[in-house]
Amino acid sequence: MKYINEKGQLVTEDSSQDCFLKFIYSSMAGRVSLKLLTRPWVSKFGGAFLSTPFSKCFISSFIQNNHIPMADYEKTTYKSYNDFFTRKIKAGKRPIPEDENVLFSPCDCKVSVYPIYDNTTFVIKNTLYTVESLLKHRKLAKRFRDGYAVVCRLTVDDYHRYSYIDDGEKSYNYFIPGIYHTVNPIANDYAAIYSENAREYTMMKTKHFGNVVQMEVGALMVGRIKNHQGMGPMKRGTEKGYFEFGGSTIVLLFEKNRVNIDQELLKRTEEQCETKVKLGQRIGYKK
């Protein structure tokens, strides 16, 4: 993966998670493992284990290996690995802009931005999507033609809680289960694979940016999405939810003529380069 960090430096890295996914999707042994690992009982067992006290033994090495700045987080005694993974940031460490016309990132992430046309595609978790296939809703997808898709990719070292980008009203949360299917799974090391991660989205009628879809995409196997509320009012900067263990992604969809995205982000995306941002950092503004 290639991205620009907070110091403006180009970083190219293959995280342990990226290497694992490459192994899973591109090798025969990985595909055989995936058939087992994606069984519901395995996923449930893995998630349950990470919520037990026995999983605490992984915390120290994770902090060290991923260079987590623990001074930024609330000091507490963690009950499990998931308790640590969903840790809360200290007050003031993720301020949101005072100007309500500023569009800010809902999370810590590596961000890329795509203008939405009929043929627009983007990759999430090794799967190629259009807006329609992402939402599984043709009519809803058409509403965002000529708008923007903001893809926020979280990695395991990021803060895994996310916030509302504006005041407004939100719909129910719509859940889409994940799918895994291998075509000719034992033919060779690069047999075609079709997969979709579980995801959940909500329609948001925002005060400043029009109608927006926010979608959370869960991680492979044990990653789980935890949204706090269903239909009702939402408040800018308030926590919307969090991801349990696993890298995850948030997608924001904006309608035509609602936002101006910072040109630097668009240029970097065209160059197949992400930009590292923190929750609350500007990515655009009201049009």
Protein backbone atom coordinates (compact mmCIF):
# COMPACT_ATOMS: atom_id res chain seq x y z
CA MET A 1 0.00 0.00 0.00
CA LYS A 2 1.18 3.55 -0.77
CA TYR A 3 0.10 6.61 1.19
CA ILE A 4 1.18 10.10 2.26
CA ASN A 5 1.68 10.31 6.02
CA GLU A 6 0.99 13.25 8.35
CA LYS A 7 4.46 14.70 7.63
CA GLY A 8 3.81 14.71 3.88
CA GLN A 9 6.15 11.77 3.31
CA LEU A 10 5.43 8.95 0.87
CA VAL A 11 5.18 5.62 2.68
CA THR A 12 5.06 2.23 0.97
CA GLU A 13 4.34 -0.67 3.24
CA ASP A 14 2.88 -4.14 3.33
CA SER A 15 1.29 -4.51 6.74
CA SER A 16 0.95 -7.92 8.37
CA GLN A 17 -2.75 -7.66 7.58
CA ASP A 18 -2.05 -6.96 3.88
CA CYS A 19 0.36 -9.90 3.69
CA PHE A 20 -2.20 -12.15 5.34
CA LEU A 21 -4.93 -11.13 2.87
CA LYS A 22 -2.57 -11.67 -0.06
CA PHE A 23 -1.85 -15.18 1.20
CA ILE A 24 -5.55 -15.91 1.79
CA TYR A 25 -6.72 -14.76 -1.63
CA SER A 26 -3.84 -15.73 -3.90
CA SER A 27 -2.75 -19.19 -2.76
CA MET A 28 -4.36 -22.60 -2.71
CA ALA A 29 -3.49 -23.09 0.96
CA GLY A 30 -5.01 -19.70 1.77
CA ARG A 31 -8.26 -20.50 -0.01
CA VAL A 32 -8.54 -23.82 1.78
CA SER A 33 -7.96 -22.01 5.10
CA LEU A 34 -10.54 -19.38 4.17
CA LYS A 35 -13.23 -22.00 3.64
CA LEU A 36 -12.78 -22.96 7.29
CA LEU A 37 -12.15 -19.49 8.70
CA THR A 38 -15.28 -18.00 7.15
CA ARG A 39 -17.61 -20.55 8.70
CA PRO A 40 -19.95 -18.71 11.11
CA TRP A 41 -18.99 -20.79 14.15
CA VAL A 42 -15.29 -20.08 13.62
CA SER A 43 -15.90 -16.34 13.34
CA LYS A 44 -18.08 -16.36 16.46
CA PHE A 45 -15.50 -18.39 18.39
CA GLY A 46 -12.70 -16.03 17.36
CA GLY A 47 -14.66 -12.94 18.34
CA ALA A 48 -15.71 -14.51 21.63
CA PHE A 49 -12.12 -15.46 22.50
CA LEU A 50 -10.87 -11.91 21.89
CA SER A 51 -13.45 -10.71 24.43
CA THR A 52 -12.17 -13.02 27.17
CA PRO A 53 -9.44 -12.24 29.76
CA PHE A 54 -7.25 -14.95 28.14
CA SER A 55 -6.73 -12.67 25.13
CA LYS A 56 -4.99 -9.96 27.18
CA CYS A 57 -1.63 -11.63 26.56
CA PHE A 58 -1.63 -10.23 22.99
CA ILE A 59 -1.93 -6.57 24.03
CA SER A 60 1.67 -5.70 24.93
CA SER A 61 3.21 -7.14 21.76
CA PHE A 62 0.54 -5.48 19.61
CA ILE A 63 1.30 -2.06 21.12
CA GLN A 64 5.03 -2.55 20.54
CA ASN A 65 4.79 -3.98 17.02
CA ASN A 66 2.37 -1.30 15.79
CA HIS A 67 3.89 1.67 17.65
CA ILE A 68 0.63 2.66 19.33
CA PRO A 69 0.98 6.03 21.17
CA MET A 70 -0.77 4.91 24.36
CA ALA A 71 -0.31 8.35 25.97
CA ASP A 72 -3.08 9.55 23.62
CA TYR A 73 -5.63 7.12 25.10
CA GLU A 74 -7.58 6.99 28.34
CA LYS A 75 -5.65 5.17 31.02
CA THR A 76 -7.44 2.04 32.15
CA THR A 77 -7.00 -1.66 32.85
CA TYR A 78 -8.17 -3.64 29.85
CA LYS A 79 -10.39 -6.67 30.45
CA SER A 80 -9.66 -8.31 27.08
CA TYR A 81 -7.99 -7.75 23.72
CA ASN A 82 -11.21 -6.35 22.25
CA ASP A 83 -11.50 -4.02 25.23
CA PHE A 84 -8.05 -2.71 24.32
CA PHE A 85 -8.75 -2.63 20.58
CA THR A 86 -11.83 -0.44 21.12
CA ARG A 87 -9.97 1.86 23.55
CA LYS A 88 -11.11 5.47 23.82
CA ILE A 89 -9.01 8.48 22.93
CA LYS A 90 -8.38 11.20 25.52
CA ALA A 91 -10.62 14.28 25.37
CA GLY A 92 -9.16 16.90 23.04
CA LYS A 93 -6.99 14.50 21.04
CA ARG A 94 -9.41 14.44 18.08
CA PRO A 95 -10.90 17.97 17.89
CA ILE A 96 -13.42 18.71 15.14
CA PRO A 97 -13.37 22.00 13.16
CA GLU A 98 -15.33 24.91 14.60
CA ASP A 99 -16.52 25.87 11.10
CA GLU A 100 -19.59 23.71 10.43
CA ASN A 101 -19.09 24.07 6.66
CA VAL A 102 -15.90 22.01 6.87
CA LEU A 103 -16.20 18.34 5.93
CA PHE A 104 -13.97 16.28 8.19
CA SER A 105 -12.90 12.65 8.33
CA PRO A 106 -15.18 10.51 10.52
CA CYS A 107 -12.23 8.36 11.65
CA ASP A 108 -8.49 7.81 11.70
CA CYS A 109 -7.69 6.26 8.33
CA LYS A 110 -5.94 6.27 4.99
CA VAL A 111 -8.39 8.11 2.72
CA SER A 112 -9.02 8.11 -1.02
CA VAL A 113 -11.77 9.92 -2.94
CA TYR A 114 -13.49 8.94 -6.20
CA PRO A 115 -15.85 10.99 -8.40
CA ILE A 116 -18.89 8.78 -9.00
CA TYR A 117 -19.72 7.97 -12.62
CA ASP A 118 -21.55 5.00 -14.13
CA ASN A 119 -18.29 3.08 -14.49
CA THR A 120 -16.61 4.16 -11.25
CA THR A 121 -15.05 1.29 -9.31
CA PHE A 122 -12.94 1.08 -6.16
CA VAL A 123 -11.38 -1.72 -4.16
CA ILE A 124 -12.35 -2.54 -0.57
CA LYS A 125 -10.86 -5.60 1.15
CA ASN A 126 -9.54 -7.07 -2.13
CA THR A 127 -12.99 -6.79 -3.73
CA LEU A 128 -13.86 -4.49 -6.63
CA TYR A 129 -17.11 -2.56 -6.10
CA THR A 130 -19.34 -0.10 -7.90
CA VAL A 131 -21.61 2.08 -5.80
CA GLU A 132 -24.54 -0.12 -6.83
CA SER A 133 -22.85 -3.39 -5.86
CA LEU A 134 -21.68 -1.86 -2.59
CA LEU A 135 -25.20 -0.80 -1.61
CA LYS A 136 -27.04 -3.63 -3.39
CA HIS A 137 -29.62 -0.98 -4.26
CA ARG A 138 -29.76 0.39 -7.83
CA LYS A 139 -32.19 3.24 -7.17
CA LEU A 140 -30.26 4.51 -4.17
CA ALA A 141 -26.96 4.29 -6.04
CA LYS A 142 -28.29 6.50 -8.85
CA ARG A 143 -28.86 9.33 -6.36
CA PHE A 144 -25.10 9.69 -5.95
CA ARG A 145 -24.14 9.83 -9.63
CA ASP A 146 -21.73 12.74 -10.23
CA GLY A 147 -21.10 12.99 -6.52
CA TYR A 148 -18.19 11.56 -4.52
CA ALA A 149 -17.28 8.32 -2.77
CA VAL A 150 -14.89 8.86 0.14
CA VAL A 151 -13.18 5.60 1.14
CA CYS A 152 -11.62 5.61 4.62
CA ARG A 153 -9.42 2.54 5.17
CA LEU A 154 -8.61 1.77 8.79
CA THR A 155 -5.66 -0.45 9.67
CA VAL A 156 -5.06 -2.22 12.96
CA ASP A 157 -2.92 0.62 14.34
CA ASP A 158 -5.71 3.21 13.90
CA TYR A 159 -8.24 4.47 16.44
CA HIS A 160 -11.28 2.30 15.72
CA ARG A 161 -14.09 4.56 16.87
CA TYR A 162 -15.87 6.81 14.37
CA SER A 163 -18.10 9.89 14.52
CA TYR A 164 -20.95 11.68 12.74
CA ILE A 165 -19.78 14.30 10.22
CA ASP A 166 -22.74 16.66 10.71
CA ASP A 167 -25.95 17.40 12.56
CA GLY A 168 -29.09 15.89 11.07
CA GLU A 169 -31.37 12.88 11.02
CA LYS A 170 -30.41 9.28 10.28
CA SER A 171 -32.31 6.23 9.07
CA TYR A 172 -32.23 2.71 10.41
CA ASN A 173 -29.01 0.76 9.98
CA TYR A 174 -29.21 -1.60 6.99
CA PHE A 175 -27.07 -4.73 7.32
CA ILE A 176 -25.65 -6.63 4.31
CA PRO A 177 -24.14 -10.04 5.14
CA GLY A 178 -20.77 -11.04 3.73
CA ILE A 179 -20.33 -13.55 0.87
CA TYR A 180 -17.36 -15.74 0.02
CA HIS A 181 -17.16 -17.82 -3.13
CA THR A 182 -14.20 -19.36 -4.95
CA VAL A 183 -14.49 -20.26 -8.63
CA ASN A 184 -12.61 -23.49 -9.44
CA PRO A 185 -10.90 -23.37 -6.00
CA ILE A 186 -8.23 -26.03 -6.58
CA ALA A 187 -7.34 -25.38 -10.21
CA ASN A 188 -4.30 -23.19 -9.56
CA ASP A 189 -2.89 -20.64 -7.15
CA TYR A 190 -4.80 -17.74 -8.70
CA ALA A 191 -8.32 -19.05 -9.22
CA ALA A 192 -10.97 -16.33 -9.44
CA ILE A 193 -12.45 -15.34 -6.09
CA TYR A 194 -15.64 -13.44 -5.38
CA SER A 195 -16.01 -12.08 -1.88
CA GLU A 196 -17.90 -9.35 -0.06
CA ASN A 197 -17.37 -8.38 3.54
CA ALA A 198 -20.31 -7.82 5.85
CA ARG A 199 -21.31 -4.17 5.93
CA GLU A 200 -23.87 -1.82 7.41
CA TYR A 201 -25.07 1.54 6.14
CA THR A 202 -27.38 4.35 7.08
CA MET A 203 -28.91 7.26 5.16
CA MET A 204 -28.15 10.60 6.77
CA LYS A 205 -30.05 13.81 6.08
CA THR A 206 -27.35 16.28 7.05
CA LYS A 207 -27.58 19.99 7.82
CA HIS A 208 -24.73 21.09 5.55
CA PHE A 209 -23.91 18.32 3.05
CA GLY A 210 -27.28 17.08 1.81
CA ASN A 211 -28.21 13.40 1.81
CA VAL A 212 -25.23 11.23 2.68
CA VAL A 213 -24.75 7.48 3.01
CA GLN A 214 -22.27 6.28 5.60
CA MET A 215 -21.30 2.63 5.35
CA GLU A 216 -19.13 0.60 7.70
CA VAL A 217 -17.42 -2.45 6.18
CA GLY A 218 -16.35 -5.12 8.65
CA ALA A 219 -13.05 -6.98 8.66
CA LEU A 220 -12.41 -10.51 7.47
CA MET A 221 -13.74 -13.17 9.85
CA VAL A 222 -13.82 -11.69 13.36
CA GLY A 223 -14.24 -7.97 12.66
CA ARG A 224 -17.56 -6.66 13.93
CA ILE A 225 -19.43 -3.39 13.46
CA LYS A 226 -20.96 -1.82 16.56
CA ASN A 227 -23.23 1.14 15.82
CA HIS A 228 -24.76 2.84 18.85
CA GLN A 229 -28.18 3.92 17.58
CA GLY A 230 -30.88 3.28 15.04
CA MET A 231 -33.14 5.87 13.41
CA GLY A 232 -33.17 9.33 14.97
CA PRO A 233 -31.23 12.60 15.38
CA MET A 234 -27.47 12.75 15.07
CA LYS A 235 -25.00 15.33 16.32
CA ARG A 236 -21.81 16.47 14.63
CA GLY A 237 -18.71 14.96 16.23
CA THR A 238 -20.65 12.51 18.40
CA GLU A 239 -19.43 8.93 18.33
CA LYS A 240 -21.46 6.86 15.86
CA GLY A 241 -19.90 3.51 16.71
CA TYR A 242 -16.75 1.40 16.65
CA PHE A 243 -15.14 -1.66 15.08
CA GLU A 244 -14.00 -4.64 17.09
CA PHE A 245 -10.79 -6.42 16.10
CA GLY A 246 -9.69 -6.31 12.48
CA GLY A 247 -8.91 -3.72 9.85
CA SER A 248 -12.05 -2.00 8.61
CA THR A 249 -13.34 0.58 6.14
CA ILE A 250 -15.86 3.44 6.15
CA VAL A 251 -17.39 4.74 2.93
CA LEU A 252 -19.16 8.11 2.63
CA LEU A 253 -21.31 8.80 -0.44
CA PHE A 254 -22.18 12.40 -1.35
CA GLU A 255 -24.68 13.68 -3.91
CA LYS A 256 -23.80 15.96 -6.81
CA ASN A 257 -22.97 19.61 -5.99
CA ARG A 258 -22.97 19.12 -2.23
CA VAL A 259 -19.27 19.11 -1.31
CA ASN A 260 -15.94 20.34 -2.61
CA ILE A 261 -13.27 17.75 -1.89
CA ASP A 262 -9.75 19.04 -1.24
CA GLN A 263 -7.95 18.86 -4.59
CA GLU A 264 -4.83 17.31 -3.07
CA LEU A 265 -6.84 14.25 -2.02
CA LEU A 266 -8.32 13.86 -5.50
CA LYS A 267 -4.91 14.23 -7.14
CA ARG A 268 -3.32 11.65 -4.85
CA THR A 269 -6.16 9.19 -5.45
CA GLU A 270 -5.64 9.53 -9.21
CA GLU A 271 -2.00 8.62 -8.56
CA GLN A 272 -3.19 5.53 -6.60
CA CYS A 273 -1.94 7.00 -3.35
CA GLU A 274 -3.93 7.31 -0.13
CA THR A 275 -3.59 10.09 2.46
CA LYS A 276 -3.32 9.41 6.18
CA VAL A 277 -5.72 11.55 8.22
CA LYS A 278 -7.10 11.66 11.76
CA LEU A 279 -10.70 11.86 12.93
CA GLY A 280 -11.71 15.53 12.66
CA GLN A 281 -9.19 16.45 9.98
CA ARG A 282 -10.53 18.41 7.03
CA ILE A 283 -11.09 16.58 3.74
CA GLY A 284 -13.37 19.13 2.04
CA TYR A 285 -16.08 21.73 2.62
CA LYS A 286 -19.70 22.58 1.82
CA LYS A 287 -20.35 23.59 -1.78
